[in-house]
């Protein structure tokens, strides 16, 4: 019959190792704090501070093509003339709707060409995306034909700085060239040059989704559309459509309505599926020569970061307990235990063997 209480022996040895346990507990507290810091970051990362104030209510109409290689999500471009038709088709299910066109323009600065990603927007654009104005008046710049608003880094690239001195400065942009048929021969025609006036300089929030990196904005108007090549038609007539839904639950109803749009608008593939893509889930991804977009959903991000945080927590706790118990085992030598508690060699062996099993399980 074993008379020596082995748990009492171990507890007594661990109690003697005071400073080791103080250090271990401190390490454990730091590990737990790091774990909760990760959870706080995940919550912030998925909150409205991530991109735009109403990002959880803003969606973009996208299509899901189903080729042989697998589903590919991509932005859906609508004819600008059909935006009002789409608005009536959706009805009251979406509280607001805006269109954004895009074009790669070029500015010649000190004999070098600077590419300017230009977006053409409606007057209600700022109802969706609240930009932080640093210089000038953004409302005036996006409501007056002939004015342009520049993002800070773009203004610095064009003018060398983004100060108040750039407001009301002229800037000449050349539209991108387009392929047209001239006398039966395919010909690349250059875009036209149009002079704009800088009306505002703004700053983008960070971090930001790639679909909303607006570097240059101007009002969608005939004046800005004159950048197109003379015989190339109107390339700006194709626009992205953004919707603001009253609540996330209403998004499903809008998607059900989008299912009937293929019969209203021409040019859609029979295998294409229209859906609403949340604003903060749109990130560019290159697939060969085509730039498509792949969603990085909340569930994926949360799961990945939570697993990493859990691994840090488990690793920190196990290392802390292992280090403390290993240090405490130094006090469980045969002579020390026998002198302190009257244990035999059998008692010491059983106690040491049991403790090693516990350490192995923790590690």
Protein backbone atom coordinates (compact mmCIF):
# COMPACT_ATOMS: atom_id res chain seq x y z
CA UNK A 1 0.00 0.00 0.00
CA UNK A 2 1.37 3.37 -1.04
CA UNK A 3 1.29 5.83 1.79
CA UNK A 4 3.09 8.77 0.22
CA UNK A 5 0.66 11.25 -1.45
CA UNK A 6 2.42 11.83 -4.78
CA UNK A 7 0.29 14.83 -5.70
CA UNK A 8 1.22 16.46 -2.43
CA UNK A 9 4.91 15.81 -3.18
CA UNK A 10 4.62 17.44 -6.59
CA UNK A 11 2.64 20.38 -5.22
CA UNK A 12 5.24 20.94 -2.54
CA UNK A 13 8.06 20.93 -5.08
CA UNK A 14 6.19 23.28 -7.37
CA UNK A 15 5.48 25.62 -4.48
CA UNK A 16 9.18 25.93 -3.72
CA UNK A 17 9.86 27.13 -7.29
CA UNK A 18 8.23 30.53 -6.69
CA UNK A 19 10.16 32.68 -9.16
CA UNK A 20 9.83 30.09 -11.89
CA UNK A 21 6.09 30.14 -11.54
CA UNK A 22 5.95 33.93 -11.39
CA UNK A 23 7.75 34.02 -14.74
CA UNK A 24 5.53 31.28 -16.12
CA UNK A 25 2.31 33.00 -15.08
CA UNK A 26 3.57 36.27 -16.60
CA UNK A 27 4.31 34.44 -19.84
CA UNK A 28 0.87 32.87 -19.78
CA UNK A 29 -0.81 36.25 -19.26
CA UNK A 30 1.11 37.73 -22.20
CA UNK A 31 0.09 34.77 -24.38
CA UNK A 32 -3.58 35.12 -23.49
CA UNK A 33 -3.39 38.89 -24.06
CA UNK A 34 -1.88 38.26 -27.51
CA UNK A 35 -4.71 35.86 -28.31
CA UNK A 36 -7.38 38.38 -27.36
CA UNK A 37 -5.50 41.09 -29.27
CA UNK A 38 -5.86 38.92 -32.37
CA UNK A 39 -9.59 38.58 -31.74
CA UNK A 40 -9.90 42.35 -31.37
CA UNK A 41 -8.03 42.82 -34.66
CA UNK A 42 -10.36 40.37 -36.41
CA UNK A 43 -13.36 42.29 -35.11
CA UNK A 44 -11.85 45.60 -36.28
CA UNK A 45 -10.82 44.11 -39.61
CA UNK A 46 -14.39 43.09 -40.32
CA UNK A 47 -15.97 46.25 -38.95
CA UNK A 48 -16.98 49.42 -40.75
CA UNK A 49 -13.55 50.91 -40.07
CA UNK A 50 -12.07 48.51 -42.58
CA UNK A 51 -13.19 50.39 -45.69
CA UNK A 52 -16.22 52.66 -45.90
CA UNK A 53 -18.80 53.58 -43.23
CA UNK A 54 -21.68 51.64 -44.86
CA UNK A 55 -19.61 48.87 -46.44
CA UNK A 56 -21.90 46.16 -45.05
CA UNK A 57 -24.80 47.69 -47.02
CA UNK A 58 -23.00 48.39 -50.32
CA UNK A 59 -22.90 45.79 -53.08
CA UNK A 60 -21.75 45.69 -56.68
CA UNK A 61 -23.57 43.82 -59.41
CA UNK A 62 -21.26 41.06 -60.63
CA UNK A 63 -21.54 37.97 -62.78
CA UNK A 64 -20.35 34.45 -62.09
CA UNK A 65 -19.24 32.82 -65.32
CA UNK A 66 -19.03 29.05 -65.23
CA UNK A 67 -16.37 27.98 -67.76
CA UNK A 68 -14.74 24.55 -67.86
CA UNK A 69 -11.89 25.75 -65.64
CA UNK A 70 -14.30 26.62 -62.84
CA UNK A 71 -16.39 29.59 -61.62
CA UNK A 72 -14.87 33.04 -62.13
CA UNK A 73 -16.28 36.13 -60.45
CA UNK A 74 -15.97 39.32 -62.46
CA UNK A 75 -17.31 42.82 -62.58
CA UNK A 76 -20.38 43.25 -64.75
CA UNK A 77 -20.46 46.28 -67.07
CA UNK A 78 -23.85 47.71 -67.98
CA UNK A 79 -24.66 50.13 -70.81
CA UNK A 80 -25.00 53.54 -69.20
CA UNK A 81 -28.28 54.09 -71.00
CA UNK A 82 -29.74 51.07 -69.19
CA UNK A 83 -28.92 52.20 -65.66
CA UNK A 84 -32.33 53.84 -65.24
CA UNK A 85 -33.99 50.69 -66.61
CA UNK A 86 -32.15 48.60 -64.04
CA UNK A 87 -33.14 51.02 -61.28
CA UNK A 88 -36.81 50.67 -62.21
CA UNK A 89 -36.41 46.90 -62.51
CA UNK A 90 -35.05 46.59 -58.97
CA UNK A 91 -37.63 49.04 -57.62
CA UNK A 92 -37.66 49.86 -53.93
CA UNK A 93 -35.54 46.86 -52.94
CA UNK A 94 -32.38 49.00 -53.21
CA UNK A 95 -32.41 52.37 -51.47
CA UNK A 96 -29.87 53.88 -53.87
CA UNK A 97 -27.92 53.06 -57.00
CA UNK A 98 -24.89 54.67 -58.65
CA UNK A 99 -22.78 53.99 -61.74
CA UNK A 100 -19.00 54.26 -62.15
CA UNK A 101 -17.18 54.24 -65.49
CA UNK A 102 -13.43 53.85 -65.92
CA UNK A 103 -10.68 54.66 -68.41
CA UNK A 104 -6.89 54.70 -68.50
CA UNK A 105 -5.93 58.27 -69.42
CA UNK A 106 -2.43 59.69 -69.83
CA UNK A 107 -0.90 62.98 -68.69
CA UNK A 108 2.43 64.25 -70.02
CA UNK A 109 4.49 65.71 -67.16
CA UNK A 110 8.04 66.97 -67.82
CA UNK A 111 8.25 64.94 -71.03
CA UNK A 112 7.18 61.74 -69.34
CA UNK A 113 3.81 60.02 -69.59
CA UNK A 114 1.92 59.36 -66.36
CA UNK A 115 -0.95 56.88 -66.45
CA UNK A 116 -4.04 58.23 -64.71
CA UNK A 117 -6.75 55.66 -63.84
CA UNK A 118 -9.77 57.88 -64.35
CA UNK A 119 -13.24 57.11 -62.98
CA UNK A 120 -16.41 58.77 -64.24
CA UNK A 121 -19.04 59.08 -61.50
CA UNK A 122 -22.57 60.32 -60.92
CA UNK A 123 -23.44 63.13 -58.54
CA UNK A 124 -24.63 60.64 -55.89
CA UNK A 125 -21.21 58.95 -55.82
CA UNK A 126 -20.35 60.58 -52.49
CA UNK A 127 -23.47 59.05 -50.93
CA UNK A 128 -21.72 55.70 -51.30
CA UNK A 129 -18.05 56.56 -50.77
CA UNK A 130 -17.25 59.29 -48.24
CA UNK A 131 -13.77 60.52 -49.15
CA UNK A 132 -11.60 62.55 -46.80
CA UNK A 133 -11.00 65.88 -48.57
CA UNK A 134 -7.58 67.40 -47.84
CA UNK A 135 -7.65 70.32 -50.30
CA UNK A 136 -10.39 72.07 -52.28
CA UNK A 137 -14.10 71.23 -52.45
CA UNK A 138 -14.90 67.66 -53.45
CA UNK A 139 -18.64 68.27 -53.79
CA UNK A 140 -18.03 71.02 -56.34
CA UNK A 141 -15.39 69.01 -58.18
CA UNK A 142 -17.75 66.05 -58.66
CA UNK A 143 -20.75 68.11 -59.66
CA UNK A 144 -19.15 70.54 -62.14
CA UNK A 145 -18.22 69.44 -65.68
CA UNK A 146 -14.55 70.00 -66.49
CA UNK A 147 -13.30 69.55 -62.91
CA UNK A 148 -11.26 66.63 -61.64
CA UNK A 149 -10.50 65.35 -58.12
CA UNK A 150 -7.17 63.63 -57.46
CA UNK A 151 -6.08 61.19 -54.78
CA UNK A 152 -3.07 62.38 -52.75
CA UNK A 153 -0.50 60.00 -54.24
CA UNK A 154 -1.73 60.73 -57.76
CA UNK A 155 -1.50 64.48 -57.16
CA UNK A 156 2.08 64.09 -55.93
CA UNK A 157 2.98 62.04 -58.99
CA UNK A 158 1.51 64.66 -61.31
CA UNK A 159 2.53 67.88 -59.55
CA UNK A 160 5.20 66.85 -57.07
CA UNK A 161 3.00 67.68 -54.07
CA UNK A 162 -0.62 67.62 -52.90
CA UNK A 163 -0.89 71.09 -51.39
CA UNK A 164 -3.43 73.86 -51.80
CA UNK A 165 -1.32 75.28 -54.63
CA UNK A 166 -2.59 72.51 -56.93
CA UNK A 167 -6.23 73.57 -56.60
CA UNK A 168 -7.51 75.24 -59.80
CA UNK A 169 -4.38 74.07 -61.63
CA UNK A 170 -5.03 72.88 -65.20
CA UNK A 171 -4.17 69.35 -66.26
CA UNK A 172 -4.47 67.90 -69.76
CA UNK A 173 -5.39 64.25 -70.15
CA UNK A 174 -5.32 62.12 -73.27
CA UNK A 175 -7.82 59.33 -73.62
CA UNK A 176 -6.76 55.79 -74.42
CA UNK A 177 -6.54 54.67 -78.01
CA UNK A 178 -9.26 52.48 -79.51
CA UNK A 179 -9.46 50.05 -82.39
CA UNK A 180 -11.72 51.28 -85.19
CA UNK A 181 -12.39 50.39 -88.80
CA UNK A 182 -11.18 53.09 -91.20
CA UNK A 183 -11.84 52.46 -94.92
CA UNK A 184 -12.23 48.78 -94.16
CA UNK A 185 -8.88 48.58 -92.35
CA UNK A 186 -8.55 48.00 -88.56
CA UNK A 187 -6.80 51.09 -87.20
CA UNK A 188 -5.74 52.17 -83.71
CA UNK A 189 -6.99 55.72 -83.20
CA UNK A 190 -5.54 57.80 -80.36
CA UNK A 191 -7.79 59.38 -77.79
CA UNK A 192 -8.40 63.10 -77.64
CA UNK A 193 -6.80 65.61 -75.31
CA UNK A 194 -9.05 67.36 -72.82
CA UNK A 195 -8.04 70.02 -70.28
CA UNK A 196 -9.39 69.61 -66.74
CA UNK A 197 -9.18 71.83 -63.67
CA UNK A 198 -8.13 70.33 -60.35
CA UNK A 199 -11.01 70.96 -57.98
CA UNK A 200 -10.09 68.82 -54.97
CA UNK A 201 -7.50 66.49 -53.49
CA UNK A 202 -8.67 63.64 -51.27
CA UNK A 203 -7.31 60.75 -49.25
CA UNK A 204 -8.43 57.12 -49.42
CA UNK A 205 -9.08 55.10 -46.26
CA UNK A 206 -6.71 52.28 -45.37
CA UNK A 207 -6.85 49.32 -45.61
CA UNK A 208 -9.05 49.38 -48.69
CA UNK A 209 -10.43 46.91 -51.20
CA UNK A 210 -8.87 47.04 -54.63
CA UNK A 211 -12.19 47.73 -56.34
CA UNK A 212 -12.47 51.13 -54.65
CA UNK A 213 -8.98 52.51 -55.20
CA UNK A 214 -10.21 55.71 -56.83
CA UNK A 215 -7.15 57.68 -57.98
CA UNK A 216 -8.88 60.30 -60.15
CA UNK A 217 -12.57 61.23 -60.28
CA UNK A 218 -14.57 63.39 -62.63
CA UNK A 219 -18.25 63.88 -63.35
CA UNK A 220 -19.77 61.49 -65.89
CA UNK A 221 -20.57 64.07 -68.55
CA UNK A 222 -20.21 64.65 -72.29
CA UNK A 223 -17.22 66.89 -71.55
CA UNK A 224 -15.24 64.09 -69.93
CA UNK A 225 -16.45 61.51 -72.45
CA UNK A 226 -14.90 63.56 -75.25
CA UNK A 227 -11.60 61.90 -74.28
CA UNK A 228 -12.57 58.94 -76.45
CA UNK A 229 -11.17 58.48 -79.92
CA UNK A 230 -13.23 60.26 -82.62
CA UNK A 231 -14.43 57.12 -84.33
CA UNK A 232 -14.39 54.69 -81.44
CA UNK A 233 -17.90 55.28 -80.17
CA UNK A 234 -18.47 55.88 -76.48
CA UNK A 235 -16.36 53.45 -74.40
CA UNK A 236 -17.55 55.13 -71.19
CA UNK A 237 -21.09 53.91 -71.80
CA UNK A 238 -20.15 50.69 -70.00
CA UNK A 239 -20.29 51.23 -66.26
CA UNK A 240 -20.14 49.30 -63.01
CA UNK A 241 -23.27 49.49 -60.89
CA UNK A 242 -23.18 49.83 -57.11
CA UNK A 243 -26.24 49.38 -54.92
CA UNK A 244 -26.93 50.37 -51.34
CA UNK A 245 -29.30 47.87 -49.75
CA UNK A 246 -31.40 48.85 -46.74
CA UNK A 247 -30.35 45.72 -44.82
CA UNK A 248 -28.24 42.63 -45.55
CA UNK A 249 -31.39 40.49 -45.49
CA UNK A 250 -32.81 42.43 -48.44
CA UNK A 251 -29.78 41.49 -50.57
CA UNK A 252 -31.27 38.06 -51.24
CA UNK A 253 -34.46 39.60 -52.57
CA UNK A 254 -32.45 41.84 -54.89
CA UNK A 255 -30.44 38.85 -56.14
CA UNK A 256 -33.69 37.04 -56.90
CA UNK A 257 -34.74 40.03 -58.99
CA UNK A 258 -31.36 40.06 -60.76
CA UNK A 259 -32.05 36.55 -62.03
CA UNK A 260 -34.53 38.00 -64.53
CA UNK A 261 -32.22 40.69 -65.89
CA UNK A 262 -30.71 38.38 -68.54
CA UNK A 263 -33.97 38.63 -70.42
CA UNK A 264 -33.93 42.44 -70.27
CA UNK A 265 -30.34 43.25 -71.25
CA UNK A 266 -28.60 41.83 -74.28
CA UNK A 267 -25.08 40.45 -74.36
CA UNK A 268 -25.14 38.19 -71.31
CA UNK A 269 -23.92 34.62 -71.55
CA UNK A 270 -26.53 31.98 -70.93
CA UNK A 271 -24.25 30.43 -68.30
CA UNK A 272 -23.66 33.72 -66.46
CA UNK A 273 -25.21 34.10 -63.05
CA UNK A 274 -25.78 37.59 -61.64
CA UNK A 275 -25.32 38.24 -57.95
CA UNK A 276 -24.47 41.00 -55.48
CA UNK A 277 -20.84 41.15 -54.39
CA UNK A 278 -20.22 42.82 -50.98
CA UNK A 279 -17.98 45.86 -51.16
CA UNK A 280 -15.31 44.65 -48.75
CA UNK A 281 -15.00 41.24 -50.44
CA UNK A 282 -13.71 42.53 -53.80
CA UNK A 283 -10.01 42.00 -54.43
CA UNK A 284 -8.23 41.82 -57.76
CA UNK A 285 -6.62 38.57 -58.85
CA UNK A 286 -4.79 37.89 -62.10
CA UNK A 287 -5.81 34.82 -64.07
CA UNK A 288 -3.51 34.60 -67.07
CA UNK A 289 -3.91 37.69 -69.22
CA UNK A 290 -7.28 38.58 -67.70
CA UNK A 291 -7.67 40.53 -64.47
CA UNK A 292 -10.61 39.08 -62.57
CA UNK A 293 -11.60 39.45 -58.97
CA UNK A 294 -11.78 36.85 -56.25
CA UNK A 295 -13.76 37.31 -53.04
CA UNK A 296 -12.03 37.03 -49.67
CA UNK A 297 -15.05 36.41 -47.50
CA UNK A 298 -15.45 37.19 -43.82
CA UNK A 299 -15.66 33.49 -42.92
CA UNK A 300 -12.35 32.70 -44.61
CA UNK A 301 -10.51 35.58 -42.95
CA UNK A 302 -12.03 34.91 -39.54
CA UNK A 303 -11.29 31.18 -39.64
CA UNK A 304 -7.68 31.65 -40.74
CA UNK A 305 -6.86 34.27 -38.10
CA UNK A 306 -8.74 32.37 -35.37
CA UNK A 307 -6.76 29.19 -36.08
CA UNK A 308 -3.49 31.11 -35.91
CA UNK A 309 -4.55 32.73 -32.65
CA UNK A 310 -5.57 29.38 -31.17
CA UNK A 311 -2.21 27.87 -32.11
CA UNK A 312 -0.42 30.76 -30.39
CA UNK A 313 -2.54 30.31 -27.27
CA UNK A 314 -2.04 26.53 -27.07
CA UNK A 315 1.68 26.82 -27.80
CA UNK A 316 2.19 29.54 -25.20
CA UNK A 317 0.24 27.69 -22.50
CA UNK A 318 1.98 24.35 -23.11
CA UNK A 319 5.44 25.91 -23.19
CA UNK A 320 4.73 27.83 -19.99
CA UNK A 321 3.53 24.79 -18.07
CA UNK A 322 6.28 22.55 -19.44
CA UNK A 323 9.05 24.98 -18.49
CA UNK A 324 7.69 25.44 -14.97
CA UNK A 325 7.15 21.75 -14.29
CA UNK A 326 10.53 20.79 -15.76
CA UNK A 327 12.25 23.31 -13.51
CA UNK A 328 10.30 22.03 -10.55
CA UNK A 329 11.36 18.44 -11.23
CA UNK A 330 14.87 19.37 -10.20
CA UNK A 331 13.54 19.44 -6.65
CA UNK A 332 12.14 15.92 -6.93
CA UNK A 333 15.46 14.09 -6.76
CA UNK A 334 15.53 10.88 -4.80
CA UNK A 335 17.43 12.16 -1.80
CA UNK A 336 15.44 15.35 -1.51
CA UNK A 337 12.07 13.62 -1.64
CA UNK A 338 13.07 10.91 0.81
CA UNK A 339 14.44 13.43 3.28
CA UNK A 340 11.45 15.76 3.03
CA UNK A 341 8.60 13.26 2.84
CA UNK A 342 10.07 9.86 3.72
CA UNK A 343 9.35 8.42 0.29
CA UNK A 344 11.03 5.26 -1.02
CA UNK A 345 12.77 4.83 -4.38
CA UNK A 346 9.57 3.25 -5.69
CA UNK A 347 7.58 6.32 -4.69
CA UNK A 348 10.09 8.65 -6.36
CA UNK A 349 10.17 6.59 -9.55
CA UNK A 350 6.37 6.50 -9.80
CA UNK A 351 6.12 10.24 -9.16
CA UNK A 352 8.83 11.08 -11.73
CA UNK A 353 7.35 8.74 -14.35
CA UNK A 354 3.85 10.20 -13.89
CA UNK A 355 5.15 13.76 -14.18
CA UNK A 356 7.03 12.96 -17.40
CA UNK A 357 3.79 11.63 -18.91
CA UNK A 358 2.01 14.85 -17.96
CA UNK A 359 4.80 16.95 -19.52
CA UNK A 360 4.66 14.93 -22.73
CA UNK A 361 0.89 15.41 -22.96
CA UNK A 362 1.20 19.17 -22.41
CA UNK A 363 3.97 19.60 -24.98
